[in-house]
């Protein structure tokens, strides 16, 4: 779809700064390779932190820190089942 300069200006000016900030933050979260590895795993199925650690061969503290950021950004969700916590994509469109 081709847009004229005027159409682009009109479209651009309708985006509130808060929306641009939120979008920018999501891109920042996705720009880290380990986080992308985690998201690719969670796209297949929900997983515990232990499963993620074994698959990507990283330290649990590292994965935990990445998951905390992804949770804060509402990209990943979690649910508890007994003593285990399962992580999954919060938005399946990822």
Protein backbone atom coordinates (compact mmCIF):
# COMPACT_ATOMS: atom_id res chain seq x y z
CA UNK A 1 0.00 0.00 0.00
CA UNK A 2 1.52 3.29 -1.11
CA UNK A 3 0.86 6.37 1.00
CA UNK A 4 1.35 9.97 0.04
CA UNK A 5 3.48 12.21 2.23
CA UNK A 6 0.32 13.91 3.52
CA UNK A 7 -1.28 10.56 4.41
CA UNK A 8 1.87 9.51 6.25
CA UNK A 9 1.92 12.77 8.21
CA UNK A 10 -1.74 12.33 9.13
CA UNK A 11 -1.19 8.72 10.24
CA UNK A 12 1.98 9.54 12.15
CA UNK A 13 0.43 12.48 13.98
CA UNK A 14 -2.46 10.36 15.26
CA UNK A 15 -0.19 8.06 17.27
CA UNK A 16 0.00 9.24 20.89
CA UNK A 17 3.44 9.45 22.45
CA UNK A 18 2.42 6.81 25.02
CA UNK A 19 1.66 4.31 22.23
CA UNK A 20 5.00 5.02 20.55
CA UNK A 21 6.79 4.60 23.89
CA UNK A 22 5.06 1.27 24.56
CA UNK A 23 5.89 0.01 21.07
CA UNK A 24 9.50 1.11 21.43
CA UNK A 25 9.79 -0.73 24.76
CA UNK A 26 8.42 -3.93 23.21
CA UNK A 27 11.02 -3.75 20.44
CA UNK A 28 13.76 -3.24 23.04
CA UNK A 29 12.62 -6.35 24.89
CA UNK A 30 12.61 -8.36 21.68
CA UNK A 31 16.05 -7.17 20.59
CA UNK A 32 17.96 -9.43 23.01
CA UNK A 33 18.89 -12.82 21.45
CA UNK A 34 18.35 -14.87 24.63
CA UNK A 35 14.87 -13.43 25.02
CA UNK A 36 14.11 -14.40 21.43
CA UNK A 37 15.29 -17.96 22.19
CA UNK A 38 12.95 -18.07 25.18
CA UNK A 39 10.03 -16.75 23.13
CA UNK A 40 10.65 -19.30 20.39
CA UNK A 41 10.49 -22.08 22.97
CA UNK A 42 7.31 -20.67 24.48
CA UNK A 43 5.74 -20.42 21.03
CA UNK A 44 5.82 -24.23 20.92
CA UNK A 45 4.35 -24.81 24.40
CA UNK A 46 4.37 -23.49 27.94
CA UNK A 47 7.46 -24.44 29.93
CA UNK A 48 8.96 -24.25 33.38
CA UNK A 49 12.12 -22.29 34.00
CA UNK A 50 14.00 -25.57 34.47
CA UNK A 51 12.96 -26.75 31.01
CA UNK A 52 14.03 -23.46 29.46
CA UNK A 53 17.39 -23.56 31.27
CA UNK A 54 18.10 -27.10 29.99
CA UNK A 55 17.11 -26.29 26.42
CA UNK A 56 19.07 -23.06 26.01
CA UNK A 57 21.98 -24.18 28.22
CA UNK A 58 22.07 -21.05 30.38
CA UNK A 59 22.14 -20.27 34.08
CA UNK A 60 18.82 -20.16 35.89
CA UNK A 61 19.46 -16.64 37.22
CA UNK A 62 20.03 -15.40 33.66
CA UNK A 63 16.80 -16.96 32.39
CA UNK A 64 14.92 -15.74 35.46
CA UNK A 65 16.04 -12.16 34.80
CA UNK A 66 14.96 -12.36 31.16
CA UNK A 67 11.58 -13.85 32.11
CA UNK A 68 11.03 -11.08 34.66
CA UNK A 69 11.53 -8.45 31.95
CA UNK A 70 9.26 -10.30 29.54
CA UNK A 71 6.60 -10.61 32.24
CA UNK A 72 6.87 -6.92 33.04
CA UNK A 73 6.46 -6.13 29.34
CA UNK A 74 3.33 -8.33 29.16
CA UNK A 75 4.93 -10.48 26.48
CA UNK A 76 5.01 -13.59 28.68
CA UNK A 77 2.50 -14.86 31.22
CA UNK A 78 2.80 -17.41 33.99
CA UNK A 79 0.62 -19.81 35.91
CA UNK A 80 1.29 -21.90 38.98
CA UNK A 81 0.47 -25.61 39.16
CA UNK A 82 1.44 -26.90 42.57
CA UNK A 83 5.08 -26.06 43.15
CA UNK A 84 5.83 -25.43 39.46
CA UNK A 85 5.44 -22.20 37.53
CA UNK A 86 4.71 -22.48 33.83
CA UNK A 87 5.57 -19.67 31.43
CA UNK A 88 3.77 -19.07 28.14
CA UNK A 89 3.31 -16.35 25.56
CA UNK A 90 0.84 -13.77 26.83
CA UNK A 91 -0.12 -12.89 23.27
CA UNK A 92 -0.27 -15.80 20.84
CA UNK A 93 0.22 -13.45 17.88
CA UNK A 94 3.96 -13.31 18.63
